[in-house]
Amino acid sequence: MADEETQQFAIMVIQFRSGLLKHARRILGNSADAEDLVQHALDEAWRERLHRQGPEAFRAWTGRVINTRAISLLRHHRAEQRKAVNAGWVTVLSDDPDEQDGGELWTFIQEKDLMEAVNSLPPQQREVFHLRAQGQSYVSIGAQVGRSTGTVGWWLHQVREQLRQRLLPIAEERRLSLGRGA
């Protein structure tokens, strides 16, 4: 009986796996996550013994599992990206110990403002900025970009100045428009 059940399950996996993978890839946008997601759905299908309910029930149920888990994964990835971008970028912006505005002003900057400002940086400075926003040390960044720690520090100083010049007027304007004064 167990061998027959295993064989029945294997037949359904062979029949539906490529379609489930295609579906998961279309939602998630990459093969690695899609593979993991399909494997998870198939593991659950085995535990639930869905192959006993027939091919259509098996396909529909695994499709729903993929949809539900994919949406959850995408939400989680987006939330993590927002946290990393906002926390990391603001840290880089206020990495200067002489920072006078205490960081409060940066709360008026939106992610799209940061993205536009960062994208306007020269490529090497943009790369250094992204690496620092990920929490990497000056030494680590220097090793990756083939520059000295001093050069990395200088580039980050220039980046901060350029971003401040571009973003502070936006932040000031938003603070004033919300009636919070100077």
N, C-alpha and C. Protein backbone atom coordinates (compact mmCIF):
# COMPACT_ATOMS: atom_id res chain seq x y z
N MET A 1 0.83 -1.20 0.00
CA MET A 1 0.00 0.00 0.00
C MET A 1 0.87 1.26 0.00
N ALA A 2 1.93 1.28 0.84
CA ALA A 2 2.80 2.45 0.92
C ALA A 2 3.50 2.70 -0.41
N ASP A 3 3.94 1.62 -1.07
CA ASP A 3 4.60 1.78 -2.37
C ASP A 3 3.65 2.33 -3.42
N GLU A 4 2.41 1.85 -3.39
CA GLU A 4 1.40 2.32 -4.34
C GLU A 4 1.10 3.81 -4.08
N GLU A 5 1.02 4.18 -2.82
CA GLU A 5 0.75 5.57 -2.46
C GLU A 5 1.91 6.47 -2.90
N THR A 6 3.13 6.03 -2.68
CA THR A 6 4.31 6.79 -3.09
C THR A 6 4.33 6.95 -4.60
N GLN A 7 3.99 5.90 -5.30
CA GLN A 7 3.97 5.94 -6.76
C GLN A 7 2.88 6.90 -7.26
N GLN A 8 1.72 6.86 -6.64
CA GLN A 8 0.62 7.75 -7.01
C GLN A 8 1.04 9.21 -6.81
N PHE A 9 1.70 9.50 -5.69
CA PHE A 9 2.18 10.85 -5.40
C PHE A 9 3.23 11.27 -6.45
N ALA A 10 4.17 10.39 -6.75
CA ALA A 10 5.23 10.68 -7.71
C ALA A 10 4.65 11.01 -9.08
N ILE A 11 3.62 10.31 -9.48
CA ILE A 11 2.98 10.56 -10.77
C ILE A 11 2.39 11.97 -10.81
N MET A 12 1.76 12.38 -9.72
CA MET A 12 1.18 13.72 -9.67
C MET A 12 2.27 14.80 -9.65
N VAL A 13 3.34 14.51 -8.96
CA VAL A 13 4.46 15.47 -8.94
C VAL A 13 5.01 15.65 -10.35
N ILE A 14 5.21 14.55 -11.05
CA ILE A 14 5.72 14.61 -12.43
C ILE A 14 4.73 15.37 -13.32
N GLN A 15 3.46 15.12 -13.11
CA GLN A 15 2.43 15.74 -13.94
C GLN A 15 2.33 17.25 -13.71
N PHE A 16 2.48 17.72 -12.48
CA PHE A 16 2.19 19.12 -12.17
C PHE A 16 3.39 19.99 -11.80
N ARG A 17 4.53 19.39 -11.53
CA ARG A 17 5.67 20.16 -11.01
C ARG A 17 6.10 21.29 -11.94
N SER A 18 6.25 21.05 -13.22
CA SER A 18 6.73 22.11 -14.13
C SER A 18 5.73 23.27 -14.20
N GLY A 19 4.45 22.98 -14.20
CA GLY A 19 3.44 24.04 -14.20
C GLY A 19 3.46 24.84 -12.91
N LEU A 20 3.65 24.14 -11.78
CA LEU A 20 3.73 24.83 -10.50
C LEU A 20 4.98 25.72 -10.44
N LEU A 21 6.08 25.23 -10.98
CA LEU A 21 7.32 26.02 -11.02
C LEU A 21 7.14 27.28 -11.87
N LYS A 22 6.54 27.11 -13.01
CA LYS A 22 6.30 28.25 -13.90
C LYS A 22 5.43 29.29 -13.20
N HIS A 23 4.40 28.82 -12.54
CA HIS A 23 3.50 29.69 -11.81
C HIS A 23 4.25 30.44 -10.69
N ALA A 24 5.05 29.73 -9.92
CA ALA A 24 5.80 30.34 -8.82
C ALA A 24 6.84 31.33 -9.35
N ARG A 25 7.51 31.00 -10.44
CA ARG A 25 8.50 31.91 -11.04
C ARG A 25 7.83 33.19 -11.51
N ARG A 26 6.66 33.05 -12.09
CA ARG A 26 5.93 34.22 -12.59
C ARG A 26 5.58 35.17 -11.44
N ILE A 27 5.23 34.63 -10.29
CA ILE A 27 4.87 35.46 -9.14
C ILE A 27 6.11 36.06 -8.49
N LEU A 28 7.11 35.21 -8.24
CA LEU A 28 8.27 35.63 -7.46
C LEU A 28 9.36 36.30 -8.28
N GLY A 29 9.43 35.97 -9.55
CA GLY A 29 10.43 36.60 -10.39
C GLY A 29 11.80 35.97 -10.36
N ASN A 30 11.98 34.85 -9.64
CA ASN A 30 13.28 34.18 -9.70
C ASN A 30 13.12 32.69 -9.45
N SER A 31 14.04 31.94 -10.02
CA SER A 31 13.94 30.48 -10.00
C SER A 31 14.24 29.86 -8.64
N ALA A 32 15.21 30.42 -7.92
CA ALA A 32 15.61 29.83 -6.63
C ALA A 32 14.46 29.85 -5.63
N ASP A 33 13.82 31.00 -5.48
CA ASP A 33 12.69 31.09 -4.55
C ASP A 33 11.52 30.23 -5.04
N ALA A 34 11.33 30.18 -6.35
CA ALA A 34 10.24 29.38 -6.92
C ALA A 34 10.47 27.90 -6.61
N GLU A 35 11.69 27.43 -6.78
CA GLU A 35 12.02 26.02 -6.46
C GLU A 35 11.69 25.71 -5.00
N ASP A 36 12.14 26.59 -4.10
CA ASP A 36 11.88 26.40 -2.67
C ASP A 36 10.38 26.36 -2.38
N LEU A 37 9.66 27.27 -3.01
CA LEU A 37 8.23 27.38 -2.78
C LEU A 37 7.49 26.14 -3.28
N VAL A 38 7.84 25.67 -4.45
CA VAL A 38 7.20 24.46 -4.99
C VAL A 38 7.52 23.26 -4.11
N GLN A 39 8.77 23.16 -3.68
CA GLN A 39 9.14 22.05 -2.79
C GLN A 39 8.32 22.09 -1.50
N HIS A 40 8.15 23.29 -0.96
CA HIS A 40 7.33 23.44 0.26
C HIS A 40 5.89 22.97 0.00
N ALA A 41 5.32 23.39 -1.12
CA ALA A 41 3.95 23.01 -1.45
C ALA A 41 3.83 21.49 -1.63
N LEU A 42 4.82 20.89 -2.27
CA LEU A 42 4.79 19.44 -2.47
C LEU A 42 4.96 18.69 -1.15
N ASP A 43 5.82 19.20 -0.27
CA ASP A 43 5.97 18.59 1.06
C ASP A 43 4.65 18.61 1.82
N GLU A 44 3.98 19.75 1.77
CA GLU A 44 2.68 19.85 2.45
C GLU A 44 1.64 18.94 1.81
N ALA A 45 1.67 18.87 0.49
CA ALA A 45 0.72 17.99 -0.22
C ALA A 45 0.94 16.54 0.21
N TRP A 46 2.18 16.12 0.37
CA TRP A 46 2.47 14.76 0.82
C TRP A 46 1.94 14.54 2.23
N ARG A 47 2.21 15.51 3.13
CA ARG A 47 1.74 15.38 4.51
C ARG A 47 0.21 15.29 4.59
N GLU A 48 -0.45 16.04 3.71
CA GLU A 48 -1.92 16.07 3.70
C GLU A 48 -2.50 14.91 2.89
N ARG A 49 -1.66 14.16 2.25
CA ARG A 49 -2.07 13.01 1.42
C ARG A 49 -3.07 13.44 0.34
N LEU A 50 -2.79 14.58 -0.28
CA LEU A 50 -3.70 15.13 -1.28
C LEU A 50 -3.80 14.29 -2.54
N HIS A 51 -2.78 13.50 -2.81
CA HIS A 51 -2.82 12.66 -4.01
C HIS A 51 -3.99 11.67 -3.94
N ARG A 52 -4.49 11.42 -2.76
CA ARG A 52 -5.64 10.51 -2.60
C ARG A 52 -6.93 11.14 -3.11
N GLN A 53 -6.95 12.48 -3.19
CA GLN A 53 -8.17 13.18 -3.60
C GLN A 53 -8.25 13.41 -5.11
N GLY A 54 -7.24 12.99 -5.83
CA GLY A 54 -7.27 13.11 -7.28
C GLY A 54 -6.42 14.27 -7.80
N PRO A 55 -6.13 14.22 -9.10
CA PRO A 55 -5.22 15.19 -9.70
C PRO A 55 -5.71 16.65 -9.63
N GLU A 56 -6.98 16.89 -9.84
CA GLU A 56 -7.46 18.27 -9.84
C GLU A 56 -7.38 18.90 -8.45
N ALA A 57 -7.75 18.13 -7.43
CA ALA A 57 -7.65 18.63 -6.05
C ALA A 57 -6.19 18.89 -5.69
N PHE A 58 -5.31 17.98 -6.11
CA PHE A 58 -3.87 18.11 -5.85
C PHE A 58 -3.34 19.40 -6.50
N ARG A 59 -3.64 19.59 -7.78
CA ARG A 59 -3.17 20.77 -8.51
C ARG A 59 -3.72 22.06 -7.91
N ALA A 60 -5.02 22.09 -7.63
CA ALA A 60 -5.64 23.30 -7.09
C ALA A 60 -5.08 23.64 -5.72
N TRP A 61 -4.94 22.64 -4.87
CA TRP A 61 -4.45 22.89 -3.51
C TRP A 61 -3.01 23.37 -3.52
N THR A 62 -2.14 22.72 -4.30
CA THR A 62 -0.74 23.15 -4.34
C THR A 62 -0.63 24.55 -4.96
N GLY A 63 -1.47 24.85 -5.92
CA GLY A 63 -1.50 26.21 -6.50
C GLY A 63 -1.87 27.26 -5.48
N ARG A 64 -2.86 26.95 -4.63
CA ARG A 64 -3.25 27.89 -3.57
C ARG A 64 -2.14 28.08 -2.55
N VAL A 65 -1.47 26.98 -2.20
CA VAL A 65 -0.34 27.08 -1.26
C VAL A 65 0.73 27.99 -1.85
N ILE A 66 1.03 27.81 -3.12
CA ILE A 66 2.05 28.64 -3.77
C ILE A 66 1.61 30.10 -3.78
N ASN A 67 0.37 30.37 -4.14
CA ASN A 67 -0.12 31.76 -4.14
C ASN A 67 0.02 32.40 -2.76
N THR A 68 -0.47 31.72 -1.76
CA THR A 68 -0.47 32.26 -0.40
C THR A 68 0.95 32.50 0.10
N ARG A 69 1.81 31.50 -0.05
CA ARG A 69 3.20 31.64 0.42
C ARG A 69 3.97 32.66 -0.39
N ALA A 70 3.72 32.75 -1.69
CA ALA A 70 4.43 33.71 -2.54
C ALA A 70 4.09 35.13 -2.11
N ILE A 71 2.82 35.39 -1.87
CA ILE A 71 2.41 36.73 -1.43
C ILE A 71 3.07 37.06 -0.10
N SER A 72 3.08 36.11 0.80
CA SER A 72 3.72 36.31 2.09
C SER A 72 5.22 36.60 1.93
N LEU A 73 5.88 35.83 1.08
CA LEU A 73 7.31 36.04 0.82
C LEU A 73 7.58 37.42 0.22
N LEU A 74 6.78 37.81 -0.75
CA LEU A 74 6.97 39.12 -1.38
C LEU A 74 6.77 40.25 -0.37
N ARG A 75 5.77 40.13 0.47
CA ARG A 75 5.56 41.16 1.50
C ARG A 75 6.74 41.23 2.45
N HIS A 76 7.23 40.07 2.84
CA HIS A 76 8.37 40.02 3.75
C HIS A 76 9.61 40.64 3.10
N HIS A 77 9.88 40.29 1.83
CA HIS A 77 11.04 40.85 1.13
C HIS A 77 10.92 42.37 1.00
N ARG A 78 9.74 42.86 0.67
CA ARG A 78 9.55 44.31 0.54
C ARG A 78 9.76 45.01 1.86
N ALA A 79 9.22 44.44 2.93
CA ALA A 79 9.39 45.04 4.25
C ALA A 79 10.86 45.06 4.64
N GLU A 80 11.56 43.97 4.39
CA GLU A 80 12.99 43.91 4.71
C GLU A 80 13.77 44.92 3.88
N GLN A 81 13.44 45.06 2.61
CA GLN A 81 14.13 46.04 1.77
C GLN A 81 13.91 47.45 2.27
N ARG A 82 12.66 47.77 2.62
CA ARG A 82 12.37 49.11 3.12
C ARG A 82 13.15 49.39 4.39
N LYS A 83 13.17 48.41 5.31
CA LYS A 83 13.92 48.59 6.55
C LYS A 83 15.39 48.82 6.26
N ALA A 84 15.96 47.97 5.41
CA ALA A 84 17.39 48.06 5.10
C ALA A 84 17.72 49.37 4.42
N VAL A 85 16.90 49.76 3.45
CA VAL A 85 17.16 50.99 2.72
C VAL A 85 17.02 52.18 3.64
N ASN A 86 15.91 52.30 4.33
CA ASN A 86 15.68 53.48 5.16
C ASN A 86 16.67 53.56 6.32
N ALA A 87 16.83 52.48 7.06
CA ALA A 87 17.73 52.50 8.21
C ALA A 87 19.17 52.68 7.75
N GLY A 88 19.58 51.93 6.77
CA GLY A 88 20.95 52.01 6.29
C GLY A 88 21.27 53.35 5.67
N TRP A 89 20.38 53.86 4.87
CA TRP A 89 20.66 55.12 4.18
C TRP A 89 20.68 56.29 5.15
N VAL A 90 19.75 56.32 6.07
CA VAL A 90 19.74 57.42 7.04
C VAL A 90 20.98 57.35 7.91
N THR A 91 21.42 56.14 8.25
CA THR A 91 22.65 55.99 9.02
C THR A 91 23.82 56.57 8.25
N VAL A 92 23.90 56.30 6.97
CA VAL A 92 24.99 56.85 6.17
C VAL A 92 24.87 58.37 6.11
N LEU A 93 23.67 58.88 5.97
CA LEU A 93 23.49 60.33 5.90
C LEU A 93 23.92 61.02 7.18
N SER A 94 23.68 60.39 8.31
CA SER A 94 24.02 61.03 9.59
C SER A 94 25.22 60.39 10.26
N ASP A 95 26.09 59.76 9.48
CA ASP A 95 27.29 59.10 9.99
C ASP A 95 28.32 60.10 10.51
N ASP A 96 28.11 61.36 10.22
CA ASP A 96 29.04 62.41 10.61
C ASP A 96 28.82 62.78 12.07
N PRO A 97 29.86 62.69 12.93
CA PRO A 97 29.68 63.02 14.35
C PRO A 97 29.36 64.49 14.57
N ASP A 98 29.65 65.35 13.59
CA ASP A 98 29.36 66.78 13.73
C ASP A 98 27.97 67.15 13.24
N GLU A 99 27.15 66.15 12.97
CA GLU A 99 25.79 66.38 12.44
C GLU A 99 25.04 67.33 13.37
N GLN A 100 24.55 68.44 12.83
CA GLN A 100 23.90 69.46 13.64
C GLN A 100 22.38 69.29 13.73
N ASP A 101 21.76 68.70 12.70
CA ASP A 101 20.30 68.66 12.71
C ASP A 101 19.73 67.44 13.39
N GLY A 102 20.54 66.65 14.08
CA GLY A 102 20.06 65.58 14.93
C GLY A 102 19.28 64.48 14.25
N GLY A 103 19.21 64.48 12.94
CA GLY A 103 18.55 63.41 12.23
C GLY A 103 17.05 63.57 12.10
N GLU A 104 16.44 64.46 12.89
CA GLU A 104 14.98 64.62 12.84
C GLU A 104 14.52 65.08 11.47
N LEU A 105 15.32 65.91 10.85
CA LEU A 105 14.96 66.44 9.54
C LEU A 105 14.87 65.33 8.49
N TRP A 106 15.66 64.27 8.67
CA TRP A 106 15.66 63.19 7.68
C TRP A 106 14.34 62.43 7.67
N THR A 107 13.53 62.58 8.70
CA THR A 107 12.22 61.90 8.71
C THR A 107 11.29 62.46 7.64
N PHE A 108 11.61 63.63 7.11
CA PHE A 108 10.79 64.24 6.07
C PHE A 108 11.19 63.80 4.66
N ILE A 109 12.25 63.01 4.57
CA ILE A 109 12.71 62.52 3.28
C ILE A 109 12.04 61.18 2.99
N GLN A 110 11.50 61.04 1.80
CA GLN A 110 10.86 59.80 1.39
C GLN A 110 11.85 58.94 0.62
N GLU A 111 11.54 57.66 0.55
CA GLU A 111 12.42 56.72 -0.14
C GLU A 111 12.69 57.14 -1.59
N LYS A 112 11.68 57.62 -2.28
CA LYS A 112 11.87 58.03 -3.68
C LYS A 112 12.84 59.21 -3.78
N ASP A 113 12.80 60.11 -2.79
CA ASP A 113 13.75 61.22 -2.77
C ASP A 113 15.19 60.70 -2.65
N LEU A 114 15.37 59.77 -1.73
CA LEU A 114 16.69 59.17 -1.55
C LEU A 114 17.16 58.46 -2.81
N MET A 115 16.27 57.68 -3.40
CA MET A 115 16.63 56.91 -4.60
C MET A 115 17.08 57.85 -5.72
N GLU A 116 16.32 58.93 -5.94
CA GLU A 116 16.69 59.89 -6.99
C GLU A 116 18.04 60.53 -6.68
N ALA A 117 18.24 60.93 -5.44
CA ALA A 117 19.49 61.58 -5.06
C ALA A 117 20.67 60.62 -5.19
N VAL A 118 20.50 59.41 -4.71
CA VAL A 118 21.58 58.43 -4.79
C VAL A 118 21.88 58.08 -6.25
N ASN A 119 20.85 57.94 -7.06
CA ASN A 119 21.06 57.61 -8.48
C ASN A 119 21.77 58.73 -9.24
N SER A 120 21.76 59.94 -8.69
CA SER A 120 22.44 61.06 -9.35
C SER A 120 23.93 61.10 -9.01
N LEU A 121 24.37 60.27 -8.06
CA LEU A 121 25.79 60.24 -7.67
C LEU A 121 26.64 59.59 -8.75
N PRO A 122 27.93 59.95 -8.82
CA PRO A 122 28.84 59.24 -9.73
C PRO A 122 28.89 57.75 -9.36
N PRO A 123 29.11 56.85 -10.31
CA PRO A 123 29.03 55.40 -10.07
C PRO A 123 29.88 54.90 -8.89
N GLN A 124 31.12 55.35 -8.77
CA GLN A 124 31.97 54.86 -7.67
C GLN A 124 31.42 55.30 -6.32
N GLN A 125 30.98 56.54 -6.24
CA GLN A 125 30.42 57.03 -4.97
C GLN A 125 29.11 56.32 -4.65
N ARG A 126 28.32 56.07 -5.67
CA ARG A 126 27.05 55.35 -5.47
C ARG A 126 27.32 53.94 -4.92
N GLU A 127 28.33 53.26 -5.48
CA GLU A 127 28.67 51.92 -5.01
C GLU A 127 29.13 51.95 -3.56
N VAL A 128 30.00 52.90 -3.22
CA VAL A 128 30.50 53.03 -1.85
C VAL A 128 29.34 53.33 -0.90
N PHE A 129 28.44 54.19 -1.32
CA PHE A 129 27.28 54.52 -0.50
C PHE A 129 26.42 53.29 -0.22
N HIS A 130 26.15 52.50 -1.27
CA HIS A 130 25.33 51.30 -1.10
C HIS A 130 26.01 50.30 -0.15
N LEU A 131 27.30 50.13 -0.29
CA LEU A 131 28.02 49.20 0.58
C LEU A 131 27.98 49.69 2.03
N ARG A 132 28.13 50.99 2.24
CA ARG A 132 28.07 51.53 3.61
C ARG A 132 26.66 51.39 4.17
N ALA A 133 25.65 51.60 3.33
CA ALA A 133 24.25 51.46 3.77
C ALA A 133 23.94 50.04 4.18
N GLN A 134 24.70 49.07 3.64
CA GLN A 134 24.52 47.67 4.02
C GLN A 134 25.26 47.36 5.32
N GLY A 135 25.93 48.36 5.89
CA GLY A 135 26.59 48.17 7.18
C GLY A 135 28.05 47.77 7.09
N GLN A 136 28.63 47.83 5.90
CA GLN A 136 30.01 47.41 5.76
C GLN A 136 30.97 48.50 6.26
N SER A 137 32.11 48.06 6.76
CA SER A 137 33.11 48.98 7.28
C SER A 137 33.87 49.64 6.14
N TYR A 138 34.57 50.72 6.46
CA TYR A 138 35.38 51.41 5.46
C TYR A 138 36.45 50.46 4.91
N VAL A 139 37.04 49.65 5.78
CA VAL A 139 38.08 48.70 5.36
C VAL A 139 37.51 47.69 4.37
N SER A 140 36.35 47.13 4.70
CA SER A 140 35.70 46.15 3.82
C SER A 140 35.34 46.79 2.48
N ILE A 141 34.81 47.99 2.52
CA ILE A 141 34.44 48.68 1.28
C ILE A 141 35.68 48.93 0.44
N GLY A 142 36.75 49.41 1.08
CA GLY A 142 37.99 49.67 0.37
C GLY A 142 38.51 48.43 -0.34
N ALA A 143 38.44 47.29 0.35
CA ALA A 143 38.91 46.04 -0.25
C ALA A 143 38.06 45.66 -1.47
N GLN A 144 36.75 45.92 -1.40
CA GLN A 144 35.87 45.56 -2.51
C GLN A 144 36.02 46.46 -3.72
N VAL A 145 36.27 47.75 -3.47
CA VAL A 145 36.36 48.69 -4.60
C VAL A 145 37.80 48.97 -5.00
N GLY A 146 38.76 48.37 -4.30
CA GLY A 146 40.16 48.54 -4.66
C GLY A 146 40.71 49.92 -4.34
N ARG A 147 40.26 50.52 -3.25
CA ARG A 147 40.71 51.85 -2.84
C ARG A 147 41.10 51.82 -1.37
N SER A 148 41.86 52.81 -0.96
CA SER A 148 42.28 52.87 0.44
C SER A 148 41.11 53.27 1.33
N THR A 149 41.27 53.01 2.61
CA THR A 149 40.23 53.39 3.58
C THR A 149 40.03 54.90 3.57
N GLY A 150 41.13 55.63 3.42
CA GLY A 150 41.04 57.10 3.36
C GLY A 150 40.21 57.57 2.17
N THR A 151 40.40 56.92 1.02
CA THR A 151 39.63 57.29 -0.17
C THR A 151 38.15 56.99 0.05
N VAL A 152 37.87 55.85 0.66
CA VAL A 152 36.48 55.49 0.96
C VAL A 152 35.87 56.55 1.87
N GLY A 153 36.59 56.92 2.91
CA GLY A 153 36.10 57.96 3.83
C GLY A 153 35.85 59.27 3.12
N TRP A 154 36.77 59.67 2.23
CA TRP A 154 36.61 60.92 1.47
C TRP A 154 35.39 60.84 0.57
N TRP A 155 35.24 59.71 -0.15
CA TRP A 155 34.08 59.56 -1.02
C TRP A 155 32.78 59.63 -0.23
N LEU A 156 32.74 58.97 0.92
CA LEU A 156 31.52 59.01 1.73
C LEU A 156 31.26 60.42 2.24
N HIS A 157 32.30 61.15 2.58
CA HIS A 157 32.13 62.55 2.98
C HIS A 157 31.51 63.34 1.83
N GLN A 158 32.05 63.15 0.62
CA GLN A 158 31.51 63.84 -0.54
C GLN A 158 30.06 63.44 -0.81
N VAL A 159 29.77 62.16 -0.66
CA VAL A 159 28.41 61.66 -0.86
C VAL A 159 27.46 62.34 0.12
N ARG A 160 27.84 62.37 1.39
CA ARG A 160 26.98 63.01 2.39
C ARG A 160 26.71 64.47 2.04
N GLU A 161 27.76 65.16 1.64
CA GLU A 161 27.60 66.57 1.29
C GLU A 161 26.67 66.74 0.09
N GLN A 162 26.87 65.93 -0.94
CA GLN A 162 26.01 66.02 -2.12
C GLN A 162 24.56 65.69 -1.79
N LEU A 163 24.37 64.66 -0.99
CA LEU A 163 23.00 64.26 -0.63
C LEU A 163 22.35 65.31 0.27
N ARG A 164 23.11 65.86 1.20
CA ARG A 164 22.57 66.93 2.05
C ARG A 164 22.14 68.12 1.20
N GLN A 165 23.01 68.53 0.27
CA GLN A 165 22.68 69.68 -0.57
C GLN A 165 21.40 69.44 -1.37
N ARG A 166 21.21 68.21 -1.78
CA ARG A 166 20.04 67.90 -2.59
C ARG A 166 18.79 67.66 -1.73
N LEU A 167 18.96 67.01 -0.57
CA LEU A 167 17.80 66.57 0.21
C LEU A 167 17.35 67.54 1.31
N LEU A 168 18.28 68.30 1.87
CA LEU A 168 17.89 69.20 2.96
C LEU A 168 16.83 70.22 2.54
N PRO A 169 16.93 70.83 1.34
CA PRO A 169 15.85 71.76 0.95
C PRO A 169 14.49 71.06 0.86
N ILE A 170 14.48 69.83 0.39
CA ILE A 170 13.23 69.07 0.30
C ILE A 170 12.68 68.83 1.71
N ALA A 171 13.55 68.41 2.62
CA ALA A 171 13.13 68.13 4.00
C ALA A 171 12.64 69.41 4.68
N GLU A 172 13.36 70.51 4.50
CA GLU A 172 12.96 71.80 5.11
C GLU A 172 11.59 72.22 4.60
N GLU A 173 11.40 72.11 3.29
CA GLU A 173 10.13 72.49 2.69
C GLU A 173 8.98 71.65 3.25
N ARG A 174 9.20 70.35 3.37
CA ARG A 174 8.14 69.48 3.91
C ARG A 174 7.86 69.79 5.38
N ARG A 175 8.93 70.05 6.14
CA ARG A 175 8.72 70.36 7.56
C ARG A 175 7.91 71.64 7.69
N LEU A 176 8.24 72.66 6.90
CA LEU A 176 7.52 73.93 6.95
C LEU A 176 6.07 73.76 6.48
N SER A 177 5.87 72.95 5.45
CA SER A 177 4.52 72.75 4.93
C SER A 177 3.64 72.02 5.94
N LEU A 178 4.25 71.26 6.83
CA LEU A 178 3.49 70.57 7.87
C LEU A 178 3.35 71.42 9.13
N GLY A 179 3.87 72.65 9.06
CA GLY A 179 3.73 73.58 10.17
C GLY A 179 4.57 73.27 11.38
N ARG A 180 5.71 72.64 11.17
CA ARG A 180 6.56 72.30 12.30
C ARG A 180 7.69 73.30 12.50
N GLY A 181 7.72 74.34 11.70
CA GLY A 181 8.71 75.42 11.88
C GLY A 181 10.15 74.96 11.81
N ALA A 182 11.05 75.91 12.00
CA ALA A 182 12.48 75.61 11.91
C ALA A 182 13.08 75.24 13.24
